Amino acid sequence: MNSNELAPEMGASIGMRLKQAREEAGLSPEDVAASLKIPVRVIRQLESGDSSQLGAAVFVRGQMRSYARLLGIKLDEELGESARPIAPSVLVSHTHTPRYRRVFEQATRRAIYIVLTAAIAVPIWMASRELKKEDTRVETLDVATAPANIATNAQPTASAPVHRTPLVASMATLPSQAAAQPALSLTFTGNSWVEVRGADGRVLESGELGGGQQRSYSVGEVSRVVLGNSSAVEVRQAGKTVDVTPFSRANVARFTLSSDGSLTPGD
């Protein structure tokens, strides 16, 4: 017989024992029902052995055991081993994730995080570098006012040949020639765009000259001078240094030389 089944004849014999023990104890069905906190009809059905209306057999046996303990009788042999331990259910996880898969998923998440961080940080870093380059770049030419046909690094144009005084003439002279100083000399301490025009309007010098270079001109040879980076040019008139600040605007100096060699602001 299955442990969840209760034979009718067994129920009837147990019911008779329960009823007999109750009567010997002087208790009524109502007294037992009040003590066990179950309906009186359940007590009567247990005593009559008609447990078909009481539900599953396992509940019927439980009610019989409670009834027997109240009356002080033992029904272990009739009802089976009540103290038999019940083995715990084995829990089987259906969501177990293998260790290699967890490691792979963690590595994938980290890789995605690194890629996203790089995608955000690298453009910002590159943009900041470009801004720094723009901040450190020095604009030395007055592009807006420079002649349209002359580029910053342009060489002398073929249509306007450049006539230079040989460098030998601008080199240091002997003491006996101290009186023959050039009317104008330009010494470059840094890069500067320069345009020098002669008395007849021709271009004598046009382009960018670097630090360490020098140009010298005699009286009446030069009429107009433009220096793109005047702070990087030392101007001398008859051997004396001339302050070109009065002739400068936005670090671009413009001046003319009169017939007597004096400097005046240029337009």
C-alpha atoms as a PDB file:
ATOM      1  CA  MET A   1       0.000   0.000   0.000  1.00  0.00           C
ATOM      2  CA  ASN A   2       1.281   3.425  -0.881  1.00  0.00           C
ATOM      3  CA  SER A   3       2.088   5.711   2.048  1.00  0.00           C
ATOM      4  CA  ASN A   4      -0.417   8.188   0.646  1.00  0.00           C
ATOM      5  CA  GLU A   5      -3.290   5.656   0.734  1.00  0.00           C
ATOM      6  CA  LEU A   6      -5.364   4.538   3.700  1.00  0.00           C
ATOM      7  CA  ALA A   7      -7.374   1.277   3.476  1.00  0.00           C
ATOM      8  CA  PRO A   8     -11.052   1.549   4.572  1.00  0.00           C
ATOM      9  CA  GLU A   9     -10.776  -1.359   7.006  1.00  0.00           C
ATOM     10  CA  MET A  10      -7.700   0.214   8.611  1.00  0.00           C
ATOM     11  CA  GLY A  11      -9.525   3.528   8.948  1.00  0.00           C
ATOM     12  CA  ALA A  12     -12.495   1.857  10.570  1.00  0.00           C
ATOM     13  CA  SER A  13     -10.377  -0.023  13.138  1.00  0.00           C
ATOM     14  CA  ILE A  14      -8.393   3.096  14.015  1.00  0.00           C
ATOM     15  CA  GLY A  15     -11.639   5.100  14.280  1.00  0.00           C
ATOM     16  CA  MET A  16     -13.074   2.579  16.715  1.00  0.00           C
ATOM     17  CA  ARG A  17      -9.940   2.786  18.903  1.00  0.00           C
ATOM     18  CA  LEU A  18     -10.107   6.594  18.872  1.00  0.00           C
ATOM     19  CA  LYS A  19     -13.804   6.593  19.794  1.00  0.00           C
ATOM     20  CA  GLN A  20     -13.288   4.045  22.572  1.00  0.00           C
ATOM     21  CA  ALA A  21     -10.381   6.010  24.022  1.00  0.00           C
ATOM     22  CA  ARG A  22     -12.406   9.253  23.886  1.00  0.00           C
ATOM     23  CA  GLU A  23     -15.321   7.736  25.724  1.00  0.00           C
ATOM     24  CA  GLU A  24     -13.023   6.237  28.355  1.00  0.00           C
ATOM     25  CA  ALA A  25     -11.518   9.695  28.831  1.00  0.00           C
ATOM     26  CA  GLY A  26     -15.007  11.134  29.278  1.00  0.00           C
ATOM     27  CA  LEU A  27     -14.700  13.539  26.345  1.00  0.00           C
ATOM     28  CA  SER A  28     -17.345  14.412  23.823  1.00  0.00           C
ATOM     29  CA  PRO A  29     -16.655  14.922  20.088  1.00  0.00           C
ATOM     30  CA  GLU A  30     -17.131  18.643  20.697  1.00  0.00           C
ATOM     31  CA  ASP A  31     -14.444  18.637  23.405  1.00  0.00           C
ATOM     32  CA  VAL A  32     -11.954  16.938  21.048  1.00  0.00           C
ATOM     33  CA  ALA A  33     -12.853  19.273  18.175  1.00  0.00           C
ATOM     34  CA  ALA A  34     -12.264  22.322  20.409  1.00  0.00           C
ATOM     35  CA  SER A  35      -8.907  20.996  21.586  1.00  0.00           C
ATOM     36  CA  LEU A  36      -7.685  20.081  18.115  1.00  0.00           C
ATOM     37  CA  LYS A  37      -9.354  23.156  16.526  1.00  0.00           C
ATOM     38  CA  ILE A  38     -11.003  21.115  13.787  1.00  0.00           C
ATOM     39  CA  PRO A  39     -14.712  20.752  12.943  1.00  0.00           C
ATOM     40  CA  VAL A  40     -16.853  18.235  14.911  1.00  0.00           C
ATOM     41  CA  ARG A  41     -17.878  16.479  11.670  1.00  0.00           C
ATOM     42  CA  VAL A  42     -14.203  15.648  11.031  1.00  0.00           C
ATOM     43  CA  ILE A  43     -14.006  13.971  14.472  1.00  0.00           C
ATOM     44  CA  ARG A  44     -17.113  11.930  13.742  1.00  0.00           C
ATOM     45  CA  GLN A  45     -15.817  10.887  10.279  1.00  0.00           C
ATOM     46  CA  LEU A  46     -12.461   9.850  11.756  1.00  0.00           C
ATOM     47  CA  GLU A  47     -14.223   7.723  14.354  1.00  0.00           C
ATOM     48  CA  SER A  48     -16.539   6.137  11.783  1.00  0.00           C
ATOM     49  CA  GLY A  49     -13.646   5.326   9.443  1.00  0.00           C
ATOM     50  CA  ASP A  50     -15.311   7.232   6.558  1.00  0.00           C
ATOM     51  CA  SER A  51     -12.434   9.491   5.518  1.00  0.00           C
ATOM     52  CA  SER A  52     -13.429   9.826   1.879  1.00  0.00           C
ATOM     53  CA  GLN A  53     -14.675  13.387   2.449  1.00  0.00           C
ATOM     54  CA  LEU A  54     -11.597  14.526   4.361  1.00  0.00           C
ATOM     55  CA  GLY A  55      -9.224  14.884   1.431  1.00  0.00           C
ATOM     56  CA  ALA A  56      -5.890  13.204   0.816  1.00  0.00           C
ATOM     57  CA  ALA A  57      -4.876  10.254   2.982  1.00  0.00           C
ATOM     58  CA  VAL A  58      -1.780  12.049   4.205  1.00  0.00           C
ATOM     59  CA  PHE A  59      -3.967  14.714   5.850  1.00  0.00           C
ATOM     60  CA  VAL A  60      -6.250  12.035   7.327  1.00  0.00           C
ATOM     61  CA  ARG A  61      -3.275  10.270   8.958  1.00  0.00           C
ATOM     62  CA  GLY A  62      -2.079  13.581  10.360  1.00  0.00           C
ATOM     63  CA  GLN A  63      -5.455  14.278  11.925  1.00  0.00           C
ATOM     64  CA  MET A  64      -5.546  10.740  13.364  1.00  0.00           C
ATOM     65  CA  ARG A  65      -2.095  11.169  14.911  1.00  0.00           C
ATOM     66  CA  SER A  66      -3.168  14.457  16.494  1.00  0.00           C
ATOM     67  CA  TYR A  67      -6.326  12.802  17.811  1.00  0.00           C
ATOM     68  CA  ALA A  68      -4.280   9.855  19.202  1.00  0.00           C
ATOM     69  CA  ARG A  69      -1.751  12.141  20.938  1.00  0.00           C
ATOM     70  CA  LEU A  70      -4.609  14.029  22.581  1.00  0.00           C
ATOM     71  CA  LEU A  71      -6.020  10.752  23.977  1.00  0.00           C
ATOM     72  CA  GLY A  72      -2.597   9.325  24.877  1.00  0.00           C
ATOM     73  CA  ILE A  73      -2.667   6.294  22.573  1.00  0.00           C
ATOM     74  CA  LYS A  74      -0.123   5.188  19.952  1.00  0.00           C
ATOM     75  CA  LEU A  75      -1.045   4.462  16.357  1.00  0.00           C
ATOM     76  CA  ASP A  76       2.467   4.325  14.865  1.00  0.00           C
ATOM     77  CA  GLU A  77       2.160   0.697  13.757  1.00  0.00           C
ATOM     78  CA  GLU A  78      -1.242   1.235  12.150  1.00  0.00           C
ATOM     79  CA  LEU A  79      -0.311   4.560  10.472  1.00  0.00           C
ATOM     80  CA  GLY A  80       3.279   3.648   9.557  1.00  0.00           C
ATOM     81  CA  GLU A  81       6.629   5.085  10.663  1.00  0.00           C
ATOM     82  CA  SER A  82       5.781   8.626  11.659  1.00  0.00           C
ATOM     83  CA  ALA A  83       9.320   9.403  12.688  1.00  0.00           C
ATOM     84  CA  ARG A  84      10.866   8.277   9.383  1.00  0.00           C
ATOM     85  CA  PRO A  85      13.137  11.115   8.207  1.00  0.00           C
ATOM     86  CA  ILE A  86      12.250  12.725   4.949  1.00  0.00           C
ATOM     87  CA  ALA A  87      15.185  13.150   2.619  1.00  0.00           C
ATOM     88  CA  PRO A  88      15.608  16.744   1.480  1.00  0.00           C
ATOM     89  CA  SER A  89      14.930  17.455  -2.141  1.00  0.00           C
ATOM     90  CA  VAL A  90      17.944  17.789  -4.324  1.00  0.00           C
ATOM     91  CA  LEU A  91      17.994  21.205  -5.917  1.00  0.00           C
ATOM     92  CA  VAL A  92      19.161  21.174  -9.491  1.00  0.00           C
ATOM     93  CA  SER A  93      20.105  24.490 -10.983  1.00  0.00           C
ATOM     94  CA  HIS A  94      18.898  24.932 -14.530  1.00  0.00           C
ATOM     95  CA  THR A  95      20.611  28.314 -14.874  1.00  0.00           C
ATOM     96  CA  HIS A  96      24.191  27.262 -14.119  1.00  0.00           C
ATOM     97  CA  THR A  97      26.749  29.128 -16.192  1.00  0.00           C
ATOM     98  CA  PRO A  98      30.115  27.424 -16.863  1.00  0.00           C
ATOM     99  CA  ARG A  99      33.171  29.217 -15.499  1.00  0.00           C
ATOM    100  CA  TYR A 100      34.749  29.701 -18.932  1.00  0.00           C
ATOM    101  CA  ARG A 101      31.592  31.437 -20.112  1.00  0.00           C
ATOM    102  CA  ARG A 102      31.600  33.807 -17.119  1.00  0.00           C
ATOM    103  CA  VAL A 103      35.261  34.643 -17.765  1.00  0.00           C
ATOM    104  CA  PHE A 104      34.524  35.236 -21.444  1.00  0.00           C
ATOM    105  CA  GLU A 105      31.579  37.504 -20.640  1.00  0.00           C
ATOM    106  CA  GLN A 106      33.652  39.517 -18.138  1.00  0.00           C
ATOM    107  CA  ALA A 107      36.468  39.927 -20.662  1.00  0.00           C
ATOM    108  CA  THR A 108      33.977  40.985 -23.331  1.00  0.00           C
ATOM    109  CA  ARG A 109      32.430  43.614 -21.054  1.00  0.00           C
ATOM    110  CA  ARG A 110      35.861  44.980 -20.182  1.00  0.00           C
ATOM    111  CA  ALA A 111      36.868  45.124 -23.844  1.00  0.00           C
ATOM    112  CA  ILE A 112      33.678  46.996 -24.727  1.00  0.00           C
ATOM    113  CA  TYR A 113      34.330  49.437 -21.878  1.00  0.00           C
ATOM    114  CA  ILE A 114      37.895  50.056 -23.078  1.00  0.00           C
ATOM    115  CA  VAL A 115      36.754  50.572 -26.686  1.00  0.00           C
ATOM    116  CA  LEU A 116      34.034  53.021 -25.678  1.00  0.00           C
ATOM    117  CA  THR A 117      36.429  54.928 -23.422  1.00  0.00           C
ATOM    118  CA  ALA A 118      39.005  55.169 -26.217  1.00  0.00           C
ATOM    119  CA  ALA A 119      36.345  56.281 -28.706  1.00  0.00           C
ATOM    120  CA  ILE A 120      35.462  59.179 -26.410  1.00  0.00           C
ATOM    121  CA  ALA A 121      38.908  60.077 -25.042  1.00  0.00           C
ATOM    122  CA  VAL A 122      41.011  59.918 -28.236  1.00  0.00           C
ATOM    123  CA  PRO A 123      39.072  62.582 -30.199  1.00  0.00           C
ATOM    124  CA  ILE A 124      39.115  64.875 -27.162  1.00  0.00           C
ATOM    125  CA  TRP A 125      42.882  64.381 -26.773  1.00  0.00           C
ATOM    126  CA  MET A 126      43.514  65.067 -30.467  1.00  0.00           C
ATOM    127  CA  ALA A 127      41.314  68.169 -30.389  1.00  0.00           C
ATOM    128  CA  SER A 128      43.196  69.511 -27.372  1.00  0.00           C
ATOM    129  CA  ARG A 129      46.501  69.003 -29.182  1.00  0.00           C
ATOM    130  CA  GLU A 130      45.224  70.954 -32.166  1.00  0.00           C
ATOM    131  CA  LEU A 131      44.104  73.772 -29.887  1.00  0.00           C
ATOM    132  CA  LYS A 132      47.542  73.905 -28.281  1.00  0.00           C
ATOM    133  CA  LYS A 133      49.169  74.090 -31.693  1.00  0.00           C
ATOM    134  CA  GLU A 134      46.886  76.946 -32.675  1.00  0.00           C
ATOM    135  CA  ASP A 135      47.685  78.788 -29.437  1.00  0.00           C
ATOM    136  CA  THR A 136      51.452  78.482 -29.928  1.00  0.00           C
ATOM    137  CA  ARG A 137      51.413  79.483 -33.577  1.00  0.00           C
ATOM    138  CA  VAL A 138      52.640  83.061 -34.073  1.00  0.00           C
ATOM    139  CA  GLU A 139      51.238  85.028 -36.943  1.00  0.00           C
ATOM    140  CA  THR A 140      54.075  87.271 -38.114  1.00  0.00           C
ATOM    141  CA  LEU A 141      52.616  88.764 -41.256  1.00  0.00           C
ATOM    142  CA  ASP A 142      49.922  91.353 -41.686  1.00  0.00           C
ATOM    143  CA  VAL A 143      48.095  89.410 -44.390  1.00  0.00           C
ATOM    144  CA  ALA A 144      45.235  91.868 -44.633  1.00  0.00           C
ATOM    145  CA  THR A 145      47.535  94.782 -45.556  1.00  0.00           C
ATOM    146  CA  ALA A 146      50.224  92.915 -47.495  1.00  0.00           C
ATOM    147  CA  PRO A 147      50.121  93.240 -51.293  1.00  0.00           C
ATOM    148  CA  ALA A 148      47.792  90.653 -52.832  1.00  0.00           C
ATOM    149  CA  ASN A 149      50.359  89.480 -55.367  1.00  0.00           C
ATOM    150  CA  ILE A 150      53.063  88.703 -52.761  1.00  0.00           C
ATOM    151  CA  ALA A 151      52.949  85.460 -50.719  1.00  0.00           C
ATOM    152  CA  THR A 152      54.629  84.989 -47.358  1.00  0.00           C
ATOM    153  CA  ASN A 153      57.367  82.724 -48.687  1.00  0.00           C
ATOM    154  CA  ALA A 154      57.354  84.083 -52.233  1.00  0.00           C
ATOM    155  CA  GLN A 155      60.591  84.594 -54.081  1.00  0.00           C
ATOM    156  CA  PRO A 156      61.217  87.857 -55.999  1.00  0.00           C
ATOM    157  CA  THR A 157      58.846  87.997 -58.972  1.00  0.00           C
ATOM    158  CA  ALA A 158      60.148  87.713 -62.487  1.00  0.00           C
ATOM    159  CA  SER A 159      58.242  90.833 -63.608  1.00  0.00           C
ATOM    160  CA  ALA A 160      59.997  92.969 -61.016  1.00  0.00           C
ATOM    161  CA  PRO A 161      63.669  91.965 -60.883  1.00  0.00           C
ATOM    162  CA  VAL A 162      65.363  92.544 -57.588  1.00  0.00           C
ATOM    163  CA  HIS A 163      68.424  94.743 -57.494  1.00  0.00           C
ATOM    164  CA  ARG A 164      70.431  94.100 -54.394  1.00  0.00           C
ATOM    165  CA  THR A 165      73.475  95.772 -53.164  1.00  0.00           C
ATOM    166  CA  PRO A 166      76.207  93.129 -52.947  1.00  0.00           C
ATOM    167  CA  LEU A 167      76.714  91.709 -49.478  1.00  0.00           C
ATOM    168  CA  VAL A 168      80.303  92.866 -49.580  1.00  0.00           C
ATOM    169  CA  ALA A 169      79.086  96.427 -49.399  1.00  0.00           C
ATOM    170  CA  SER A 170      77.102  95.703 -46.210  1.00  0.00           C
ATOM    171  CA  MET A 171      79.932  93.989 -44.359  1.00  0.00           C
ATOM    172  CA  ALA A 172      81.970  95.741 -41.673  1.00  0.00           C
ATOM    173  CA  THR A 173      84.149  98.455 -43.123  1.00  0.00           C
ATOM    174  CA  LEU A 174      87.673  99.411 -42.320  1.00  0.00           C
ATOM    175  CA  PRO A 175      88.227 102.255 -39.821  1.00  0.00           C
ATOM    176  CA  SER A 176      89.342 104.506 -42.661  1.00  0.00           C
ATOM    177  CA  GLN A 177      85.907 104.120 -44.274  1.00  0.00           C
ATOM    178  CA  ALA A 178      83.868 104.995 -41.146  1.00  0.00           C
ATOM    179  CA  ALA A 179      82.444 108.078 -42.860  1.00  0.00           C
ATOM    180  CA  ALA A 180      80.923 105.933 -45.668  1.00  0.00           C
ATOM    181  CA  GLN A 181      78.159 104.326 -43.566  1.00  0.00           C
ATOM    182  CA  PRO A 182      75.108 103.029 -45.539  1.00  0.00           C
ATOM    183  CA  ALA A 183      72.027 105.221 -45.418  1.00  0.00           C
ATOM    184  CA  LEU A 184      69.904 102.285 -44.245  1.00  0.00           C
ATOM    185  CA  SER A 185      70.772  98.842 -42.948  1.00  0.00           C
ATOM    186  CA  LEU A 186      68.437  96.040 -41.845  1.00  0.00           C
ATOM    187  CA  THR A 187      69.685  93.282 -39.529  1.00  0.00           C
ATOM    188  CA  PHE A 188      67.261  90.358 -38.969  1.00  0.00           C
ATOM    189  CA  THR A 189      67.220  88.657 -35.561  1.00  0.00           C
ATOM    190  CA  GLY A 190      64.309  86.448 -36.585  1.00  0.00           C
ATOM    191  CA  ASN A 191      62.069  85.623 -39.540  1.00  0.00           C
ATOM    192  CA  SER A 192      60.319  88.634 -41.028  1.00  0.00           C
ATOM    193  CA  TRP A 193      58.603  89.453 -44.300  1.00  0.00           C
ATOM    194  CA  VAL A 194      60.113  92.515 -45.963  1.00  0.00           C
ATOM    195  CA  GLU A 195      59.406  94.695 -48.959  1.00  0.00           C
ATOM    196  CA  VAL A 196      61.858  97.425 -50.056  1.00  0.00           C
ATOM    197  CA  ARG A 197      61.083  99.739 -52.951  1.00  0.00           C
ATOM    198  CA  GLY A 198      63.537 101.998 -54.735  1.00  0.00           C
ATOM    199  CA  ALA A 199      63.268 105.701 -55.535  1.00  0.00           C
ATOM    200  CA  ASP A 200      61.702 104.841 -58.889  1.00  0.00           C
ATOM    201  CA  GLY A 201      59.088 102.543 -57.298  1.00  0.00           C
ATOM    202  CA  ARG A 202      60.759  99.297 -58.300  1.00  0.00           C
ATOM    203  CA  VAL A 203      60.832  96.376 -55.831  1.00  0.00           C
ATOM    204  CA  LEU A 204      64.363  95.962 -54.514  1.00  0.00           C
ATOM    205  CA  GLU A 205      63.582  93.278 -51.909  1.00  0.00           C
ATOM    206  CA  SER A 206      60.448  91.173 -51.431  1.00  0.00           C
ATOM    207  CA  GLY A 207      60.002  87.973 -49.418  1.00  0.00           C
ATOM    208  CA  GLU A 208      60.814  86.445 -46.043  1.00  0.00           C
ATOM    209  CA  LEU A 209      64.298  86.760 -44.576  1.00  0.00           C
ATOM    210  CA  GLY A 210      65.585  84.707 -41.657  1.00  0.00           C
ATOM    211  CA  GLY A 211      67.551  85.519 -38.556  1.00  0.00           C
ATOM    212  CA  GLY A 212      71.188  86.476 -39.125  1.00  0.00           C
ATOM    213  CA  GLN A 213      70.589  88.028 -42.573  1.00  0.00           C
ATOM    214  CA  GLN A 214      71.377  91.662 -43.332  1.00  0.00           C
ATOM    215  CA  ARG A 215      70.560  94.217 -46.039  1.00  0.00           C
ATOM    216  CA  SER A 216      72.164  97.626 -46.626  1.00  0.00           C
ATOM    217  CA  TYR A 217      71.153 100.486 -48.917  1.00  0.00           C
ATOM    218  CA  SER A 218      72.866 103.740 -49.926  1.00  0.00           C
ATOM    219  CA  VAL A 219      71.458 107.273 -49.873  1.00  0.00           C
ATOM    220  CA  GLY A 220      68.698 107.796 -52.454  1.00  0.00           C
ATOM    221  CA  GLU A 221      68.429 104.051 -53.218  1.00  0.00           C
ATOM    222  CA  VAL A 222      65.388 103.340 -51.031  1.00  0.00           C
ATOM    223  CA  SER A 223      62.069 105.189 -50.904  1.00  0.00           C
ATOM    224  CA  ARG A 224      59.724 102.905 -48.939  1.00  0.00           C
ATOM    225  CA  VAL A 225      60.155  99.946 -46.512  1.00  0.00           C
ATOM    226  CA  VAL A 226      57.598  97.503 -45.029  1.00  0.00           C
ATOM    227  CA  LEU A 227      58.636  95.048 -42.279  1.00  0.00           C
ATOM    228  CA  GLY A 228      56.145  92.261 -41.502  1.00  0.00           C
ATOM    229  CA  ASN A 229      57.681  91.362 -38.107  1.00  0.00           C
ATOM    230  CA  SER A 230      59.308  94.611 -37.087  1.00  0.00           C
ATOM    231  CA  SER A 231      60.264  93.378 -33.596  1.00  0.00           C
ATOM    232  CA  ALA A 232      62.665  90.887 -35.250  1.00  0.00           C
ATOM    233  CA  VAL A 233      64.460  93.551 -37.344  1.00  0.00           C
ATOM    234  CA  GLU A 234      67.114  96.002 -36.201  1.00  0.00           C
ATOM    235  CA  VAL A 235      66.972  99.184 -38.309  1.00  0.00           C
ATOM    236  CA  ARG A 236      70.030 101.435 -38.539  1.00  0.00           C
ATOM    237  CA  GLN A 237      70.218 104.829 -40.199  1.00  0.00           C
ATOM    238  CA  ALA A 238      73.758 106.018 -40.955  1.00  0.00           C
ATOM    239  CA  GLY A 239      75.038 103.505 -38.390  1.00  0.00           C
ATOM    240  CA  LYS A 240      72.609 104.563 -35.618  1.00  0.00           C
ATOM    241  CA  THR A 241      69.815 102.335 -34.353  1.00  0.00           C
ATOM    242  CA  VAL A 242      66.354 103.659 -35.126  1.00  0.00           C
ATOM    243  CA  ASP A 243      63.262 102.904 -33.022  1.00  0.00           C
ATOM    244  CA  VAL A 244      60.568 101.913 -35.535  1.00  0.00           C
ATOM    245  CA  THR A 245      57.791 101.739 -32.910  1.00  0.00           C
ATOM    246  CA  PRO A 246      56.302 105.079 -34.070  1.00  0.00           C
ATOM    247  CA  PHE A 247      56.067 103.595 -37.574  1.00  0.00           C
ATOM    248  CA  SER A 248      54.603 100.223 -36.451  1.00  0.00           C
ATOM    249  CA  ARG A 249      51.072  98.934 -36.196  1.00  0.00           C
ATOM    250  CA  ALA A 250      50.250  95.363 -35.198  1.00  0.00           C
ATOM    251  CA  ASN A 251      54.015  94.599 -35.369  1.00  0.00           C
ATOM    252  CA  VAL A 252      54.156  95.765 -39.008  1.00  0.00           C
ATOM    253  CA  ALA A 253      56.398  98.793 -39.615  1.00  0.00           C
ATOM    254  CA  ARG A 254      56.010 101.098 -42.617  1.00  0.00           C
ATOM    255  CA  PHE A 255      58.292 104.058 -43.252  1.00  0.00           C
ATOM    256  CA  THR A 256      59.832 106.071 -46.074  1.00  0.00           C
ATOM    257  CA  LEU A 257      63.282 107.532 -46.525  1.00  0.00           C
ATOM    258  CA  SER A 258      63.587 111.147 -47.597  1.00  0.00           C
ATOM    259  CA  SER A 259      66.373 112.370 -49.853  1.00  0.00           C
ATOM    260  CA  ASP A 260      68.466 113.341 -46.817  1.00  0.00           C
ATOM    261  CA  GLY A 261      68.094 109.858 -45.318  1.00  0.00           C
ATOM    262  CA  SER A 262      65.596 110.662 -42.548  1.00  0.00           C
ATOM    263  CA  LEU A 263      62.734 108.242 -41.752  1.00  0.00           C
ATOM    264  CA  THR A 264      59.081 109.267 -41.881  1.00  0.00           C
ATOM    265  CA  PRO A 265      55.914 107.184 -41.389  1.00  0.00           C
ATOM    266  CA  GLY A 266      54.750 105.374 -44.521  1.00  0.00           C
ATOM    267  CA  ASP A 267      51.193 104.852 -45.675  1.00  0.00           C
END
